[in-house]
Amino acid sequence: MKIVSLVLKFMPDYADEIKAAVETVPGASVAADSGDGRMIVLLEDGPDYAVSDSIIQVHQIPQVMSATLSYEYSDEVHALEEN
């Protein structure tokens, strides 16, 4: 399992449009919208998609000026240690 969070920056007038676009990306959800052009997005991998693909899709949403990785978790290292 992989989980990441991104901080998106954009012009505040586009918040609703960006939120709707984020929610179409596999494994993506909006965790917080500050109302001033910043939004925290959570991404989780799934059986048919990778977090890396979802990050690219979110970054390519029109009107998103930047997407900064702020948190990353992976339990793959723990799975390897158990073997």
N, C-alpha and C. Protein backbone atom coordinates (compact mmCIF):
# COMPACT_ATOMS: atom_id res chain seq x y z
N MET A 1 0.85 -1.18 0.00
CA MET A 1 0.00 0.00 0.00
C MET A 1 0.89 1.24 0.00
N LYS A 2 0.52 2.20 -0.81
CA LYS A 2 1.21 3.49 -0.85
C LYS A 2 0.17 4.59 -0.68
N ILE A 3 0.54 5.57 0.12
CA ILE A 3 -0.32 6.74 0.33
C ILE A 3 0.57 7.97 0.24
N VAL A 4 0.10 8.98 -0.46
CA VAL A 4 0.83 10.25 -0.52
C VAL A 4 -0.17 11.40 -0.36
N SER A 5 0.38 12.54 0.04
CA SER A 5 -0.43 13.75 0.04
C SER A 5 0.30 14.82 -0.76
N LEU A 6 -0.47 15.61 -1.45
CA LEU A 6 0.04 16.70 -2.26
C LEU A 6 -0.56 18.00 -1.79
N VAL A 7 0.19 19.07 -1.91
CA VAL A 7 -0.35 20.42 -1.71
C VAL A 7 -0.43 21.05 -3.09
N LEU A 8 -1.65 21.39 -3.49
CA LEU A 8 -1.86 22.04 -4.78
C LEU A 8 -1.95 23.54 -4.58
N LYS A 9 -1.40 24.29 -5.52
CA LYS A 9 -1.55 25.74 -5.52
C LYS A 9 -2.20 26.14 -6.83
N PHE A 10 -3.14 27.10 -6.72
CA PHE A 10 -3.93 27.52 -7.86
C PHE A 10 -4.60 28.85 -7.53
N MET A 11 -5.19 29.48 -8.51
CA MET A 11 -5.95 30.70 -8.26
C MET A 11 -7.26 30.30 -7.56
N PRO A 12 -7.61 30.97 -6.45
CA PRO A 12 -8.77 30.57 -5.66
C PRO A 12 -10.08 30.47 -6.44
N ASP A 13 -10.22 31.21 -7.50
CA ASP A 13 -11.46 31.19 -8.30
C ASP A 13 -11.71 29.82 -8.93
N TYR A 14 -10.69 28.98 -9.03
CA TYR A 14 -10.82 27.69 -9.70
C TYR A 14 -10.98 26.52 -8.73
N ALA A 15 -11.20 26.78 -7.46
CA ALA A 15 -11.25 25.72 -6.45
C ALA A 15 -12.29 24.65 -6.75
N ASP A 16 -13.50 25.03 -7.09
CA ASP A 16 -14.55 24.04 -7.36
C ASP A 16 -14.21 23.18 -8.58
N GLU A 17 -13.70 23.82 -9.60
CA GLU A 17 -13.32 23.13 -10.83
C GLU A 17 -12.19 22.12 -10.56
N ILE A 18 -11.21 22.53 -9.78
CA ILE A 18 -10.08 21.66 -9.47
C ILE A 18 -10.52 20.52 -8.56
N LYS A 19 -11.35 20.81 -7.58
CA LYS A 19 -11.84 19.76 -6.68
C LYS A 19 -12.58 18.68 -7.48
N ALA A 20 -13.43 19.09 -8.40
CA ALA A 20 -14.17 18.13 -9.23
C ALA A 20 -13.22 17.29 -10.08
N ALA A 21 -12.19 17.92 -10.62
CA ALA A 21 -11.22 17.19 -11.45
C ALA A 21 -10.40 16.21 -10.61
N VAL A 22 -10.01 16.61 -9.40
CA VAL A 22 -9.23 15.73 -8.51
C VAL A 22 -10.03 14.47 -8.22
N GLU A 23 -11.30 14.61 -7.98
CA GLU A 23 -12.13 13.47 -7.59
C GLU A 23 -12.37 12.48 -8.74
N THR A 24 -11.96 12.83 -9.96
CA THR A 24 -12.05 11.87 -11.08
C THR A 24 -10.78 11.05 -11.21
N VAL A 25 -9.73 11.42 -10.50
CA VAL A 25 -8.45 10.71 -10.56
C VAL A 25 -8.53 9.48 -9.66
N PRO A 26 -8.13 8.31 -10.16
CA PRO A 26 -8.19 7.09 -9.34
C PRO A 26 -7.42 7.22 -8.03
N GLY A 27 -8.08 6.91 -6.92
CA GLY A 27 -7.45 6.93 -5.61
C GLY A 27 -7.28 8.30 -5.00
N ALA A 28 -7.82 9.34 -5.62
CA ALA A 28 -7.62 10.71 -5.14
C ALA A 28 -8.84 11.23 -4.40
N SER A 29 -8.56 12.04 -3.37
CA SER A 29 -9.64 12.74 -2.65
C SER A 29 -9.08 14.04 -2.10
N VAL A 30 -9.95 15.02 -1.96
CA VAL A 30 -9.55 16.31 -1.39
C VAL A 30 -9.70 16.21 0.13
N ALA A 31 -8.60 16.43 0.84
CA ALA A 31 -8.62 16.37 2.31
C ALA A 31 -8.93 17.73 2.92
N ALA A 32 -8.46 18.79 2.27
CA ALA A 32 -8.70 20.14 2.81
C ALA A 32 -8.55 21.16 1.69
N ASP A 33 -9.37 22.20 1.80
CA ASP A 33 -9.30 23.34 0.88
C ASP A 33 -9.25 24.59 1.74
N SER A 34 -8.13 25.29 1.72
CA SER A 34 -7.94 26.45 2.59
C SER A 34 -8.76 27.66 2.16
N GLY A 35 -9.24 27.66 0.92
CA GLY A 35 -10.01 28.79 0.43
C GLY A 35 -9.16 29.92 -0.13
N ASP A 36 -7.83 29.76 -0.04
CA ASP A 36 -6.94 30.81 -0.53
C ASP A 36 -6.03 30.34 -1.67
N GLY A 37 -6.46 29.27 -2.35
CA GLY A 37 -5.68 28.77 -3.47
C GLY A 37 -4.74 27.64 -3.11
N ARG A 38 -4.98 27.01 -1.96
CA ARG A 38 -4.20 25.83 -1.56
C ARG A 38 -5.16 24.71 -1.21
N MET A 39 -4.78 23.50 -1.59
CA MET A 39 -5.64 22.33 -1.36
C MET A 39 -4.74 21.15 -1.05
N ILE A 40 -5.14 20.34 -0.06
CA ILE A 40 -4.42 19.11 0.25
C ILE A 40 -5.17 17.96 -0.38
N VAL A 41 -4.45 17.15 -1.16
CA VAL A 41 -5.03 16.02 -1.87
C VAL A 41 -4.36 14.74 -1.37
N LEU A 42 -5.17 13.74 -1.06
CA LEU A 42 -4.66 12.43 -0.67
C LEU A 42 -4.76 11.48 -1.85
N LEU A 43 -3.74 10.67 -2.04
CA LEU A 43 -3.72 9.68 -3.11
C LEU A 43 -3.35 8.32 -2.51
N GLU A 44 -4.08 7.30 -2.92
CA GLU A 44 -3.79 5.94 -2.47
C GLU A 44 -3.77 5.03 -3.69
N ASP A 45 -2.82 4.09 -3.69
CA ASP A 45 -2.74 3.19 -4.84
C ASP A 45 -3.88 2.17 -4.79
N GLY A 46 -4.09 1.52 -5.90
CA GLY A 46 -5.14 0.51 -6.00
C GLY A 46 -4.68 -0.62 -6.89
N PRO A 47 -5.52 -1.62 -7.08
CA PRO A 47 -5.11 -2.79 -7.86
C PRO A 47 -4.84 -2.49 -9.34
N ASP A 48 -5.48 -1.46 -9.87
CA ASP A 48 -5.34 -1.18 -11.30
C ASP A 48 -4.60 0.12 -11.62
N TYR A 49 -4.04 0.78 -10.61
CA TYR A 49 -3.35 2.05 -10.85
C TYR A 49 -2.28 2.28 -9.78
N ALA A 50 -1.29 3.07 -10.14
CA ALA A 50 -0.19 3.39 -9.23
C ALA A 50 -0.31 4.84 -8.78
N VAL A 51 0.21 5.10 -7.61
CA VAL A 51 0.20 6.46 -7.07
C VAL A 51 0.93 7.41 -8.02
N SER A 52 2.02 6.95 -8.60
CA SER A 52 2.79 7.81 -9.51
C SER A 52 1.94 8.29 -10.69
N ASP A 53 1.10 7.43 -11.22
CA ASP A 53 0.21 7.83 -12.32
C ASP A 53 -0.81 8.86 -11.85
N SER A 54 -1.33 8.67 -10.65
CA SER A 54 -2.32 9.62 -10.11
C SER A 54 -1.68 10.98 -9.84
N ILE A 55 -0.43 10.99 -9.37
CA ILE A 55 0.27 12.26 -9.15
C ILE A 55 0.38 13.03 -10.45
N ILE A 56 0.75 12.35 -11.51
CA ILE A 56 0.88 13.00 -12.82
C ILE A 56 -0.47 13.55 -13.28
N GLN A 57 -1.54 12.77 -13.11
CA GLN A 57 -2.87 13.23 -13.53
C GLN A 57 -3.29 14.47 -12.75
N VAL A 58 -3.05 14.49 -11.44
CA VAL A 58 -3.42 15.66 -10.64
C VAL A 58 -2.61 16.88 -11.07
N HIS A 59 -1.33 16.68 -11.31
CA HIS A 59 -0.47 17.80 -11.71
C HIS A 59 -0.89 18.38 -13.06
N GLN A 60 -1.51 17.57 -13.91
CA GLN A 60 -1.91 18.02 -15.24
C GLN A 60 -3.31 18.64 -15.28
N ILE A 61 -3.98 18.74 -14.14
CA ILE A 61 -5.30 19.37 -14.11
C ILE A 61 -5.13 20.84 -14.50
N PRO A 62 -5.95 21.32 -15.44
CA PRO A 62 -5.85 22.73 -15.83
C PRO A 62 -6.03 23.64 -14.61
N GLN A 63 -5.28 24.71 -14.59
CA GLN A 63 -5.30 25.74 -13.55
C GLN A 63 -4.49 25.38 -12.31
N VAL A 64 -3.98 24.15 -12.20
CA VAL A 64 -3.08 23.81 -11.08
C VAL A 64 -1.70 24.36 -11.44
N MET A 65 -1.21 25.27 -10.60
CA MET A 65 0.10 25.88 -10.86
C MET A 65 1.23 25.02 -10.33
N SER A 66 1.00 24.35 -9.18
CA SER A 66 2.04 23.46 -8.65
C SER A 66 1.40 22.38 -7.80
N ALA A 67 2.09 21.25 -7.75
CA ALA A 67 1.68 20.12 -6.91
C ALA A 67 2.94 19.65 -6.19
N THR A 68 2.96 19.83 -4.87
CA THR A 68 4.13 19.51 -4.07
C THR A 68 3.85 18.29 -3.20
N LEU A 69 4.72 17.30 -3.28
CA LEU A 69 4.60 16.11 -2.45
C LEU A 69 4.92 16.51 -1.01
N SER A 70 3.99 16.26 -0.09
CA SER A 70 4.23 16.65 1.30
C SER A 70 4.33 15.45 2.24
N TYR A 71 3.84 14.29 1.81
CA TYR A 71 3.88 13.10 2.67
C TYR A 71 3.87 11.86 1.79
N GLU A 72 4.61 10.85 2.21
CA GLU A 72 4.60 9.58 1.48
C GLU A 72 4.74 8.43 2.47
N TYR A 73 3.91 7.42 2.31
CA TYR A 73 3.97 6.21 3.14
C TYR A 73 3.90 5.00 2.23
N SER A 74 4.71 4.00 2.54
CA SER A 74 4.67 2.74 1.82
C SER A 74 4.94 1.62 2.80
N ASP A 75 4.12 0.59 2.77
CA ASP A 75 4.36 -0.55 3.65
C ASP A 75 5.13 -1.65 2.94
N GLU A 76 5.62 -1.38 1.74
CA GLU A 76 6.37 -2.38 0.98
C GLU A 76 7.68 -2.76 1.68
N VAL A 77 8.33 -1.83 2.34
CA VAL A 77 9.57 -2.12 3.06
C VAL A 77 9.29 -3.10 4.20
N HIS A 78 8.19 -2.88 4.91
CA HIS A 78 7.83 -3.77 6.02
C HIS A 78 7.51 -5.17 5.51
N ALA A 79 6.88 -5.27 4.37
CA ALA A 79 6.56 -6.58 3.79
C ALA A 79 7.84 -7.33 3.45
N LEU A 80 8.85 -6.64 2.95
CA LEU A 80 10.13 -7.28 2.62
C LEU A 80 10.86 -7.74 3.87
N GLU A 81 10.77 -6.96 4.95
CA GLU A 81 11.43 -7.32 6.20
C GLU A 81 10.82 -8.57 6.83
N GLU A 82 9.54 -8.81 6.61
CA GLU A 82 8.86 -9.94 7.21
C GLU A 82 9.25 -11.26 6.56
N ASN A 83 9.73 -11.22 5.32
CA ASN A 83 10.10 -12.46 4.60
C ASN A 83 11.44 -12.95 4.98
